[in-house]
Amino acid sequence: MAKIVELSDSTFETEVVKSSGMVLVDFGAEWCHPCKQLDPIVEELAEEWRERVTVGKVDIDTNVNSAMKYGVMGVPTLILFKDGVPVERLTGFVPKKRILDRFNPHIR
């Protein structure tokens, strides 16, 4: 199983912004039911994209600065970064097919 990186305000810059390549960041919260519904999908994506994409999670309650910097107003929010720059975003629970439809063109 692919590892999902726990990101924080102190590690976000190094792990995402200064990273070369693709990073999918899952902004969520412990209390968020749609986030919990999305978790298995994010785990599947981490496995399927293992060689091409790093997958990380940010808890917005304990990492407010990262959430604010990228305009996360609702959770869950998935942001795909390429070489440190956000290139695609989805907010709310969405089916895996929709995530793939939006993110795969950037990954291939």
PDB file of N, CA and C in Angstrom:
ATOM      1  N   MET A   1       0.833  -1.187   0.000  1.00  0.00           N
ATOM      2  CA  MET A   1       0.000   0.000   0.000  1.00  0.00           C
ATOM      3  C   MET A   1       0.879   1.252   0.000  1.00  0.00           C
ATOM      4  N   ALA A   2       0.509   2.219  -0.803  1.00  0.00           N
ATOM      5  CA  ALA A   2       1.268   3.469  -0.900  1.00  0.00           C
ATOM      6  C   ALA A   2       1.089   4.288   0.381  1.00  0.00           C
ATOM      7  N   LYS A   3       2.129   4.984   0.752  1.00  0.00           N
ATOM      8  CA  LYS A   3       2.109   5.785   1.962  1.00  0.00           C
ATOM      9  C   LYS A   3       1.505   7.164   1.676  1.00  0.00           C
ATOM     10  N   ILE A   4       0.626   7.597   2.572  1.00  0.00           N
ATOM     11  CA  ILE A   4       0.071   8.944   2.497  1.00  0.00           C
ATOM     12  C   ILE A   4       0.799   9.776   3.541  1.00  0.00           C
ATOM     13  N   VAL A   5       1.359  10.911   3.108  1.00  0.00           N
ATOM     14  CA  VAL A   5       2.174  11.761   3.964  1.00  0.00           C
ATOM     15  C   VAL A   5       1.270  12.688   4.776  1.00  0.00           C
ATOM     16  N   GLU A   6       1.482  12.716   6.094  1.00  0.00           N
ATOM     17  CA  GLU A   6       0.772  13.674   6.944  1.00  0.00           C
ATOM     18  C   GLU A   6       1.510  15.008   6.833  1.00  0.00           C
ATOM     19  N   LEU A   7       0.818  16.015   6.332  1.00  0.00           N
ATOM     20  CA  LEU A   7       1.417  17.330   6.128  1.00  0.00           C
ATOM     21  C   LEU A   7       0.984  18.281   7.231  1.00  0.00           C
ATOM     22  N   SER A   8       1.834  19.245   7.532  1.00  0.00           N
ATOM     23  CA  SER A   8       1.513  20.270   8.519  1.00  0.00           C
ATOM     24  C   SER A   8       1.957  21.623   7.974  1.00  0.00           C
ATOM     25  N   ASP A   9       1.577  22.681   8.677  1.00  0.00           N
ATOM     26  CA  ASP A   9       2.020  24.014   8.256  1.00  0.00           C
ATOM     27  C   ASP A   9       3.547  24.074   8.177  1.00  0.00           C
ATOM     28  N   SER A  10       4.226  23.382   9.076  1.00  0.00           N
ATOM     29  CA  SER A  10       5.693  23.451   9.093  1.00  0.00           C
ATOM     30  C   SER A  10       6.349  22.595   8.009  1.00  0.00           C
ATOM     31  N   THR A  11       5.651  21.589   7.470  1.00  0.00           N
ATOM     32  CA  THR A  11       6.253  20.733   6.445  1.00  0.00           C
ATOM     33  C   THR A  11       5.712  21.004   5.044  1.00  0.00           C
ATOM     34  N   PHE A  12       4.632  21.786   4.936  1.00  0.00           N
ATOM     35  CA  PHE A  12       3.960  21.980   3.650  1.00  0.00           C
ATOM     36  C   PHE A  12       4.893  22.565   2.590  1.00  0.00           C
ATOM     37  N   GLU A  13       5.638  23.572   2.964  1.00  0.00           N
ATOM     38  CA  GLU A  13       6.549  24.238   2.022  1.00  0.00           C
ATOM     39  C   GLU A  13       7.544  23.240   1.428  1.00  0.00           C
ATOM     40  N   THR A  14       8.181  22.463   2.275  1.00  0.00           N
ATOM     41  CA  THR A  14       9.189  21.499   1.826  1.00  0.00           C
ATOM     42  C   THR A  14       8.577  20.347   1.052  1.00  0.00           C
ATOM     43  N   GLU A  15       7.495  19.782   1.571  1.00  0.00           N
ATOM     44  CA  GLU A  15       6.910  18.567   0.997  1.00  0.00           C
ATOM     45  C   GLU A  15       6.078  18.820  -0.265  1.00  0.00           C
ATOM     46  N   VAL A  16       5.535  20.044  -0.401  1.00  0.00           N
ATOM     47  CA  VAL A  16       4.633  20.324  -1.522  1.00  0.00           C
ATOM     48  C   VAL A  16       5.177  21.430  -2.418  1.00  0.00           C
ATOM     49  N   VAL A  17       5.360  22.609  -1.865  1.00  0.00           N
ATOM     50  CA  VAL A  17       5.715  23.786  -2.666  1.00  0.00           C
ATOM     51  C   VAL A  17       7.100  23.650  -3.308  1.00  0.00           C
ATOM     52  N   LYS A  18       8.050  23.106  -2.584  1.00  0.00           N
ATOM     53  CA  LYS A  18       9.408  22.963  -3.120  1.00  0.00           C
ATOM     54  C   LYS A  18       9.638  21.598  -3.757  1.00  0.00           C
ATOM     55  N   SER A  19       8.591  20.813  -3.871  1.00  0.00           N
ATOM     56  CA  SER A  19       8.704  19.482  -4.445  1.00  0.00           C
ATOM     57  C   SER A  19       8.669  19.556  -5.968  1.00  0.00           C
ATOM     58  N   SER A  20       9.468  18.723  -6.599  1.00  0.00           N
ATOM     59  CA  SER A  20       9.356  18.614  -8.049  1.00  0.00           C
ATOM     60  C   SER A  20       8.455  17.420  -8.333  1.00  0.00           C
ATOM     61  N   GLY A  21       7.626  17.553  -9.319  1.00  0.00           N
ATOM     62  CA  GLY A  21       6.693  16.484  -9.639  1.00  0.00           C
ATOM     63  C   GLY A  21       5.297  16.795  -9.128  1.00  0.00           C
ATOM     64  N   MET A  22       4.482  15.748  -9.045  1.00  0.00           N
ATOM     65  CA  MET A  22       3.070  15.889  -8.704  1.00  0.00           C
ATOM     66  C   MET A  22       2.828  15.534  -7.245  1.00  0.00           C
ATOM     67  N   VAL A  23       2.021  16.387  -6.586  1.00  0.00           N
ATOM     68  CA  VAL A  23       1.606  16.126  -5.207  1.00  0.00           C
ATOM     69  C   VAL A  23       0.112  16.391  -5.118  1.00  0.00           C
ATOM     70  N   LEU A  24      -0.642  15.394  -4.657  1.00  0.00           N
ATOM     71  CA  LEU A  24      -2.067  15.554  -4.398  1.00  0.00           C
ATOM     72  C   LEU A  24      -2.233  15.800  -2.907  1.00  0.00           C
ATOM     73  N   VAL A  25      -2.852  16.928  -2.559  1.00  0.00           N
ATOM     74  CA  VAL A  25      -3.064  17.265  -1.154  1.00  0.00           C
ATOM     75  C   VAL A  25      -4.553  17.185  -0.848  1.00  0.00           C
ATOM     76  N   ASP A  26      -4.873  16.409   0.179  1.00  0.00           N
ATOM     77  CA  ASP A  26      -6.236  16.211   0.657  1.00  0.00           C
ATOM     78  C   ASP A  26      -6.405  17.035   1.925  1.00  0.00           C
ATOM     79  N   PHE A  27      -7.116  18.170   1.800  1.00  0.00           N
ATOM     80  CA  PHE A  27      -7.413  19.012   2.956  1.00  0.00           C
ATOM     81  C   PHE A  27      -8.703  18.504   3.589  1.00  0.00           C
ATOM     82  N   GLY A  28      -8.658  18.177   4.862  1.00  0.00           N
ATOM     83  CA  GLY A  28      -9.840  17.650   5.529  1.00  0.00           C
ATOM     84  C   GLY A  28      -9.818  17.969   7.007  1.00  0.00           C
ATOM     85  N   ALA A  29     -10.762  17.357   7.731  1.00  0.00           N
ATOM     86  CA  ALA A  29     -10.862  17.562   9.176  1.00  0.00           C
ATOM     87  C   ALA A  29     -11.403  16.291   9.817  1.00  0.00           C
ATOM     88  N   GLU A  30     -11.032  16.075  11.060  1.00  0.00           N
ATOM     89  CA  GLU A  30     -11.446  14.883  11.790  1.00  0.00           C
ATOM     90  C   GLU A  30     -12.971  14.781  11.899  1.00  0.00           C
ATOM     91  N   TRP A  31     -13.654  15.899  12.049  1.00  0.00           N
ATOM     92  CA  TRP A  31     -15.101  15.932  12.259  1.00  0.00           C
ATOM     93  C   TRP A  31     -15.899  15.836  10.954  1.00  0.00           C
ATOM     94  N   CYS A  32     -15.232  15.839   9.833  1.00  0.00           N
ATOM     95  CA  CYS A  32     -15.879  15.944   8.521  1.00  0.00           C
ATOM     96  C   CYS A  32     -16.278  14.571   7.976  1.00  0.00           C
ATOM     97  N   HIS A  33     -17.576  14.309   7.923  1.00  0.00           N
ATOM     98  CA  HIS A  33     -18.063  13.021   7.423  1.00  0.00           C
ATOM     99  C   HIS A  33     -17.730  12.813   5.934  1.00  0.00           C
ATOM    100  N   PRO A  34     -17.953  13.803   5.060  1.00  0.00           N
ATOM    101  CA  PRO A  34     -17.564  13.608   3.647  1.00  0.00           C
ATOM    102  C   PRO A  34     -16.065  13.324   3.480  1.00  0.00           C
ATOM    103  N   CYS A  35     -15.237  13.885   4.377  1.00  0.00           N
ATOM    104  CA  CYS A  35     -13.789  13.603   4.323  1.00  0.00           C
ATOM    105  C   CYS A  35     -13.540  12.122   4.579  1.00  0.00           C
ATOM    106  N   LYS A  36     -14.233  11.582   5.563  1.00  0.00           N
ATOM    107  CA  LYS A  36     -14.078  10.160   5.894  1.00  0.00           C
ATOM    108  C   LYS A  36     -14.565   9.281   4.737  1.00  0.00           C
ATOM    109  N   GLN A  37     -15.607   9.729   4.034  1.00  0.00           N
ATOM    110  CA  GLN A  37     -16.094   8.993   2.873  1.00  0.00           C
ATOM    111  C   GLN A  37     -15.061   9.010   1.744  1.00  0.00           C
ATOM    112  N   LEU A  38     -14.334  10.121   1.631  1.00  0.00           N
ATOM    113  CA  LEU A  38     -13.348  10.273   0.563  1.00  0.00           C
ATOM    114  C   LEU A  38     -12.044   9.523   0.861  1.00  0.00           C
ATOM    115  N   ASP A  39     -11.768   9.255   2.134  1.00  0.00           N
ATOM    116  CA  ASP A  39     -10.499   8.620   2.522  1.00  0.00           C
ATOM    117  C   ASP A  39     -10.171   7.354   1.743  1.00  0.00           C
ATOM    118  N   PRO A  40     -11.118   6.397   1.594  1.00  0.00           N
ATOM    119  CA  PRO A  40     -10.764   5.186   0.841  1.00  0.00           C
ATOM    120  C   PRO A  40     -10.418   5.465  -0.622  1.00  0.00           C
ATOM    121  N   ILE A  41     -11.062   6.463  -1.206  1.00  0.00           N
ATOM    122  CA  ILE A  41     -10.773   6.826  -2.598  1.00  0.00           C
ATOM    123  C   ILE A  41      -9.363   7.408  -2.690  1.00  0.00           C
ATOM    124  N   VAL A  42      -9.012   8.282  -1.748  1.00  0.00           N
ATOM    125  CA  VAL A  42      -7.677   8.883  -1.738  1.00  0.00           C
ATOM    126  C   VAL A  42      -6.622   7.788  -1.547  1.00  0.00           C
ATOM    127  N   GLU A  43      -6.914   6.805  -0.702  1.00  0.00           N
ATOM    128  CA  GLU A  43      -5.983   5.689  -0.515  1.00  0.00           C
ATOM    129  C   GLU A  43      -5.811   4.895  -1.805  1.00  0.00           C
ATOM    130  N   GLU A  44      -6.911   4.672  -2.536  1.00  0.00           N
ATOM    131  CA  GLU A  44      -6.831   3.977  -3.827  1.00  0.00           C
ATOM    132  C   GLU A  44      -5.989   4.774  -4.816  1.00  0.00           C
ATOM    133  N   LEU A  45      -6.206   6.086  -4.866  1.00  0.00           N
ATOM    134  CA  LEU A  45      -5.436   6.933  -5.783  1.00  0.00           C
ATOM    135  C   LEU A  45      -3.956   6.899  -5.433  1.00  0.00           C
ATOM    136  N   ALA A  46      -3.651   6.943  -4.139  1.00  0.00           N
ATOM    137  CA  ALA A  46      -2.248   6.886  -3.712  1.00  0.00           C
ATOM    138  C   ALA A  46      -1.594   5.594  -4.209  1.00  0.00           C
ATOM    139  N   GLU A  47      -2.337   4.514  -4.168  1.00  0.00           N
ATOM    140  CA  GLU A  47      -1.812   3.226  -4.644  1.00  0.00           C
ATOM    141  C   GLU A  47      -1.667   3.226  -6.170  1.00  0.00           C
ATOM    142  N   GLU A  48      -2.705   3.677  -6.865  1.00  0.00           N
ATOM    143  CA  GLU A  48      -2.695   3.656  -8.334  1.00  0.00           C
ATOM    144  C   GLU A  48      -1.659   4.612  -8.918  1.00  0.00           C
ATOM    145  N   TRP A  49      -1.452   5.744  -8.276  1.00  0.00           N
ATOM    146  CA  TRP A  49      -0.532   6.762  -8.774  1.00  0.00           C
ATOM    147  C   TRP A  49       0.834   6.690  -8.088  1.00  0.00           C
ATOM    148  N   ARG A  50       1.100   5.618  -7.375  1.00  0.00           N
ATOM    149  CA  ARG A  50       2.279   5.486  -6.526  1.00  0.00           C
ATOM    150  C   ARG A  50       3.575   5.959  -7.178  1.00  0.00           C
ATOM    151  N   GLU A  51       3.782   5.625  -8.416  1.00  0.00           N
ATOM    152  CA  GLU A  51       5.035   5.966  -9.096  1.00  0.00           C
ATOM    153  C   GLU A  51       5.077   7.410  -9.606  1.00  0.00           C
ATOM    154  N   ARG A  52       3.910   8.054  -9.694  1.00  0.00           N
ATOM    155  CA  ARG A  52       3.857   9.372 -10.334  1.00  0.00           C
ATOM    156  C   ARG A  52       3.444  10.517  -9.428  1.00  0.00           C
ATOM    157  N   VAL A  53       2.737  10.225  -8.337  1.00  0.00           N
ATOM    158  CA  VAL A  53       2.157  11.277  -7.502  1.00  0.00           C
ATOM    159  C   VAL A  53       2.398  10.969  -6.031  1.00  0.00           C
ATOM    160  N   THR A  54       2.864  11.969  -5.285  1.00  0.00           N
ATOM    161  CA  THR A  54       2.917  11.876  -3.832  1.00  0.00           C
ATOM    162  C   THR A  54       1.561  12.335  -3.313  1.00  0.00           C
ATOM    163  N   VAL A  55       1.003  11.622  -2.350  1.00  0.00           N
ATOM    164  CA  VAL A  55      -0.296  11.988  -1.789  1.00  0.00           C
ATOM    165  C   VAL A  55      -0.104  12.369  -0.331  1.00  0.00           C
ATOM    166  N   GLY A  56      -0.660  13.532   0.040  1.00  0.00           N
ATOM    167  CA  GLY A  56      -0.552  14.005   1.412  1.00  0.00           C
ATOM    168  C   GLY A  56      -1.886  14.478   1.950  1.00  0.00           C
ATOM    169  N   LYS A  57      -1.993  14.514   3.274  1.00  0.00           N
ATOM    170  CA  LYS A  57      -3.212  14.972   3.947  1.00  0.00           C
ATOM    171  C   LYS A  57      -2.875  16.137   4.863  1.00  0.00           C
ATOM    172  N   VAL A  58      -3.792  17.092   4.923  1.00  0.00           N
ATOM    173  CA  VAL A  58      -3.670  18.234   5.830  1.00  0.00           C
ATOM    174  C   VAL A  58      -4.940  18.312   6.657  1.00  0.00           C
ATOM    175  N   ASP A  59      -4.781  18.334   7.981  1.00  0.00           N
ATOM    176  CA  ASP A  59      -5.911  18.573   8.884  1.00  0.00           C
ATOM    177  C   ASP A  59      -6.052  20.088   9.017  1.00  0.00           C
ATOM    178  N   ILE A  60      -7.156  20.620   8.516  1.00  0.00           N
ATOM    179  CA  ILE A  60      -7.303  22.085   8.478  1.00  0.00           C
ATOM    180  C   ILE A  60      -7.470  22.699   9.865  1.00  0.00           C
ATOM    181  N   ASP A  61      -7.904  21.908  10.842  1.00  0.00           N
ATOM    182  CA  ASP A  61      -8.086  22.449  12.191  1.00  0.00           C
ATOM    183  C   ASP A  61      -6.755  22.714  12.884  1.00  0.00           C
ATOM    184  N   THR A  62      -5.751  21.931  12.580  1.00  0.00           N
ATOM    185  CA  THR A  62      -4.446  22.116  13.222  1.00  0.00           C
ATOM    186  C   THR A  62      -3.426  22.765  12.298  1.00  0.00           C
ATOM    187  N   ASN A  63      -3.810  22.981  11.044  1.00  0.00           N
ATOM    188  CA  ASN A  63      -2.903  23.587  10.053  1.00  0.00           C
ATOM    189  C   ASN A  63      -3.629  24.675   9.274  1.00  0.00           C
ATOM    190  N   VAL A  64      -4.071  25.657  10.002  1.00  0.00           N
ATOM    191  CA  VAL A  64      -4.894  26.732   9.441  1.00  0.00           C
ATOM    192  C   VAL A  64      -4.157  27.528   8.374  1.00  0.00           C
ATOM    193  N   ASN A  65      -2.879  27.759   8.558  1.00  0.00           N
ATOM    194  CA  ASN A  65      -2.127  28.590   7.610  1.00  0.00           C
ATOM    195  C   ASN A  65      -2.097  28.000   6.209  1.00  0.00           C
ATOM    196  N   SER A  66      -1.865  26.696   6.114  1.00  0.00           N
ATOM    197  CA  SER A  66      -1.835  26.050   4.793  1.00  0.00           C
ATOM    198  C   SER A  66      -3.200  26.122   4.128  1.00  0.00           C
ATOM    199  N   ALA A  67      -4.240  25.875   4.904  1.00  0.00           N
ATOM    200  CA  ALA A  67      -5.603  25.933   4.363  1.00  0.00           C
ATOM    201  C   ALA A  67      -5.930  27.337   3.875  1.00  0.00           C
ATOM    202  N   MET A  68      -5.591  28.344   4.666  1.00  0.00           N
ATOM    203  CA  MET A  68      -5.882  29.731   4.285  1.00  0.00           C
ATOM    204  C   MET A  68      -5.081  30.149   3.064  1.00  0.00           C
ATOM    205  N   LYS A  69      -3.811  29.759   3.020  1.00  0.00           N
ATOM    206  CA  LYS A  69      -2.942  30.162   1.905  1.00  0.00           C
ATOM    207  C   LYS A  69      -3.494  29.685   0.561  1.00  0.00           C
ATOM    208  N   TYR A  70      -4.136  28.511   0.559  1.00  0.00           N
ATOM    209  CA  TYR A  70      -4.651  27.958  -0.695  1.00  0.00           C
ATOM    210  C   TYR A  70      -6.166  28.087  -0.813  1.00  0.00           C
ATOM    211  N   GLY A  71      -6.758  28.957   0.000  1.00  0.00           N
ATOM    212  CA  GLY A  71      -8.171  29.297  -0.142  1.00  0.00           C
ATOM    213  C   GLY A  71      -9.123  28.139   0.094  1.00  0.00           C
ATOM    214  N   VAL A  72      -8.763  27.251   0.999  1.00  0.00           N
ATOM    215  CA  VAL A  72      -9.637  26.123   1.307  1.00  0.00           C
ATOM    216  C   VAL A  72     -10.768  26.633   2.197  1.00  0.00           C
ATOM    217  N   MET A  73     -11.962  26.702   1.622  1.00  0.00           N
ATOM    218  CA  MET A  73     -13.130  27.216   2.337  1.00  0.00           C
ATOM    219  C   MET A  73     -14.091  26.115   2.748  1.00  0.00           C
ATOM    220  N   GLY A  74     -13.928  24.933   2.178  1.00  0.00           N
ATOM    221  CA  GLY A  74     -14.774  23.791   2.520  1.00  0.00           C
ATOM    222  C   GLY A  74     -13.959  22.528   2.442  1.00  0.00           C
ATOM    223  N   VAL A  75     -14.396  21.523   3.179  1.00  0.00           N
ATOM    224  CA  VAL A  75     -13.694  20.246   3.160  1.00  0.00           C
ATOM    225  C   VAL A  75     -14.669  19.127   2.834  1.00  0.00           C
ATOM    226  N   PRO A  76     -14.181  18.107   2.182  1.00  0.00           N
ATOM    227  CA  PRO A  76     -12.811  17.925   1.730  1.00  0.00           C
ATOM    228  C   PRO A  76     -12.503  18.756   0.491  1.00  0.00           C
ATOM    229  N   THR A  77     -11.251  19.153   0.371  1.00  0.00           N
ATOM    230  CA  THR A  77     -10.754  19.803  -0.834  1.00  0.00           C
ATOM    231  C   THR A  77      -9.499  19.070  -1.274  1.00  0.00           C
ATOM    232  N   LEU A  78      -9.470  18.672  -2.527  1.00  0.00           N
ATOM    233  CA  LEU A  78      -8.296  18.046  -3.123  1.00  0.00           C
ATOM    234  C   LEU A  78      -7.640  19.062  -4.048  1.00  0.00           C
ATOM    235  N   ILE A  79      -6.349  19.285  -3.855  1.00  0.00           N
ATOM    236  CA  ILE A  79      -5.602  20.174  -4.749  1.00  0.00           C
ATOM    237  C   ILE A  79      -4.415  19.394  -5.299  1.00  0.00           C
ATOM    238  N   LEU A  80      -4.295  19.398  -6.615  1.00  0.00           N
ATOM    239  CA  LEU A  80      -3.170  18.753  -7.286  1.00  0.00           C
ATOM    240  C   LEU A  80      -2.124  19.816  -7.600  1.00  0.00           C
ATOM    241  N   PHE A  81      -0.919  19.603  -7.095  1.00  0.00           N
ATOM    242  CA  PHE A  81       0.202  20.511  -7.326  1.00  0.00           C
ATOM    243  C   PHE A  81       1.162  19.870  -8.312  1.00  0.00           C
ATOM    244  N   LYS A  82       1.652  20.686  -9.244  1.00  0.00           N
ATOM    245  CA  LYS A  82       2.700  20.238 -10.166  1.00  0.00           C
ATOM    246  C   LYS A  82       3.880  21.180  -9.987  1.00  0.00           C
ATOM    247  N   ASP A  83       5.017  20.620  -9.575  1.00  0.00           N
ATOM    248  CA  ASP A  83       6.223  21.413  -9.295  1.00  0.00           C
ATOM    249  C   ASP A  83       5.909  22.582  -8.371  1.00  0.00           C
ATOM    250  N   GLY A  84       5.080  22.332  -7.348  1.00  0.00           N
ATOM    251  CA  GLY A  84       4.784  23.327  -6.323  1.00  0.00           C
ATOM    252  C   GLY A  84       3.663  24.292  -6.646  1.00  0.00           C
ATOM    253  N   VAL A  85       3.070  24.171  -7.829  1.00  0.00           N
ATOM    254  CA  VAL A  85       2.015  25.095  -8.255  1.00  0.00           C
ATOM    255  C   VAL A  85       0.680  24.347  -8.360  1.00  0.00           C
ATOM    256  N   PRO A  86      -0.392  24.876  -7.747  1.00  0.00           N
ATOM    257  CA  PRO A  86      -1.688  24.207  -7.877  1.00  0.00           C
ATOM    258  C   PRO A  86      -2.167  24.245  -9.326  1.00  0.00           C
ATOM    259  N   VAL A  87      -2.563  23.067  -9.846  1.00  0.00           N
ATOM    260  CA  VAL A  87      -3.020  23.000 -11.232  1.00  0.00           C
ATOM    261  C   VAL A  87      -4.472  22.542 -11.353  1.00  0.00           C
ATOM    262  N   GLU A  88      -5.018  21.948 -10.298  1.00  0.00           N
ATOM    263  CA  GLU A  88      -6.412  21.484 -10.336  1.00  0.00           C
ATOM    264  C   GLU A  88      -6.929  21.367  -8.911  1.00  0.00           C
ATOM    265  N   ARG A  89      -8.253  21.557  -8.760  1.00  0.00           N
ATOM    266  CA  ARG A  89      -8.867  21.536  -7.430  1.00  0.00           C
ATOM    267  C   ARG A  89     -10.281  20.992  -7.524  1.00  0.00           C
ATOM    268  N   LEU A  90     -10.664  20.223  -6.510  1.00  0.00           N
ATOM    269  CA  LEU A  90     -12.034  19.745  -6.352  1.00  0.00           C
ATOM    270  C   LEU A  90     -12.422  19.927  -4.893  1.00  0.00           C
ATOM    271  N   THR A  91     -13.637  20.397  -4.647  1.00  0.00           N
ATOM    272  CA  THR A  91     -14.119  20.570  -3.282  1.00  0.00           C
ATOM    273  C   THR A  91     -15.391  19.765  -3.087  1.00  0.00           C
ATOM    274  N   GLY A  92     -15.488  19.143  -1.908  1.00  0.00           N
ATOM    275  CA  GLY A  92     -16.637  18.314  -1.581  1.00  0.00           C
ATOM    276  C   GLY A  92     -16.374  16.872  -1.953  1.00  0.00           C
ATOM    277  N   PHE A  93     -17.248  15.992  -1.470  1.00  0.00           N
ATOM    278  CA  PHE A  93     -17.107  14.587  -1.823  1.00  0.00           C
ATOM    279  C   PHE A  93     -17.492  14.413  -3.284  1.00  0.00           C
ATOM    280  N   VAL A  94     -16.614  13.799  -4.039  1.00  0.00           N
ATOM    281  CA  VAL A  94     -16.895  13.511  -5.444  1.00  0.00           C
ATOM    282  C   VAL A  94     -16.499  12.064  -5.724  1.00  0.00           C
ATOM    283  N   PRO A  95     -17.189  11.423  -6.666  1.00  0.00           N
ATOM    284  CA  PRO A  95     -16.839  10.042  -6.994  1.00  0.00           C
ATOM    285  C   PRO A  95     -15.447   9.953  -7.619  1.00  0.00           C
ATOM    286  N   LYS A  96     -14.865   8.777  -7.508  1.00  0.00           N
ATOM    287  CA  LYS A  96     -13.519   8.552  -8.017  1.00  0.00           C
ATOM    288  C   LYS A  96     -13.411   8.878  -9.499  1.00  0.00           C
ATOM    289  N   LYS A  97     -14.410   8.526 -10.278  1.00  0.00           N
ATOM    290  CA  LYS A  97     -14.365   8.789 -11.718  1.00  0.00           C
ATOM    291  C   LYS A  97     -14.195  10.282 -12.009  1.00  0.00           C
ATOM    292  N   ARG A  98     -14.898  11.121 -11.255  1.00  0.00           N
ATOM    293  CA  ARG A  98     -14.788  12.568 -11.478  1.00  0.00           C
ATOM    294  C   ARG A  98     -13.384  13.065 -11.113  1.00  0.00           C
ATOM    295  N   ILE A  99     -12.833  12.522 -10.043  1.00  0.00           N
ATOM    296  CA  ILE A  99     -11.468  12.901  -9.659  1.00  0.00           C
ATOM    297  C   ILE A  99     -10.500  12.512 -10.774  1.00  0.00           C
ATOM    298  N   LEU A 100     -10.632  11.283 -11.262  1.00  0.00           N
ATOM    299  CA  LEU A 100      -9.756  10.818 -12.341  1.00  0.00           C
ATOM    300  C   LEU A 100      -9.919  11.664 -13.600  1.00  0.00           C
ATOM    301  N   ASP A 101     -11.164  11.991 -13.943  1.00  0.00           N
ATOM    302  CA  ASP A 101     -11.421  12.808 -15.136  1.00  0.00           C
ATOM    303  C   ASP A 101     -10.738  14.169 -15.041  1.00  0.00           C
ATOM    304  N   ARG A 102     -10.728  14.757 -13.858  1.00  0.00           N
ATOM    305  CA  ARG A 102     -10.151  16.096 -13.682  1.00  0.00           C
ATOM    306  C   ARG A 102      -8.629  16.074 -13.515  1.00  0.00           C
ATOM    307  N   PHE A 103      -8.112  15.052 -12.812  1.00  0.00           N
ATOM    308  CA  PHE A 103      -6.698  15.058 -12.451  1.00  0.00           C
ATOM    309  C   PHE A 103      -5.796  14.295 -13.421  1.00  0.00           C
ATOM    310  N   ASN A 104      -6.317  13.230 -14.057  1.00  0.00           N
ATOM    311  CA  ASN A 104      -5.468  12.424 -14.952  1.00  0.00           C
ATOM    312  C   ASN A 104      -4.821  13.217 -16.084  1.00  0.00           C
ATOM    313  N   PRO A 105      -5.518  14.191 -16.705  1.00  0.00           N
ATOM    314  CA  PRO A 105      -4.838  14.940 -17.776  1.00  0.00           C
ATOM    315  C   PRO A 105      -3.553  15.642 -17.317  1.00  0.00           C
ATOM    316  N   HIS A 106      -3.474  15.992 -16.042  1.00  0.00           N
ATOM    317  CA  HIS A 106      -2.275  16.654 -15.521  1.00  0.00           C
ATOM    318  C   HIS A 106      -1.184  15.649 -15.177  1.00  0.00           C
ATOM    319  N   ILE A 107      -1.601  14.427 -14.887  1.00  0.00           N
ATOM    320  CA  ILE A 107      -0.664  13.409 -14.408  1.00  0.00           C
ATOM    321  C   ILE A 107       0.008  12.682 -15.554  1.00  0.00           C
ATOM    322  N   ARG A 108      -0.669  12.497 -16.642  1.00  0.00           N
ATOM    323  CA  ARG A 108      -0.119  11.722 -17.764  1.00  0.00           C
ATOM    324  C   ARG A 108       1.002  12.446 -18.455  1.00  0.00           C
TER     325      ARG A 108
END
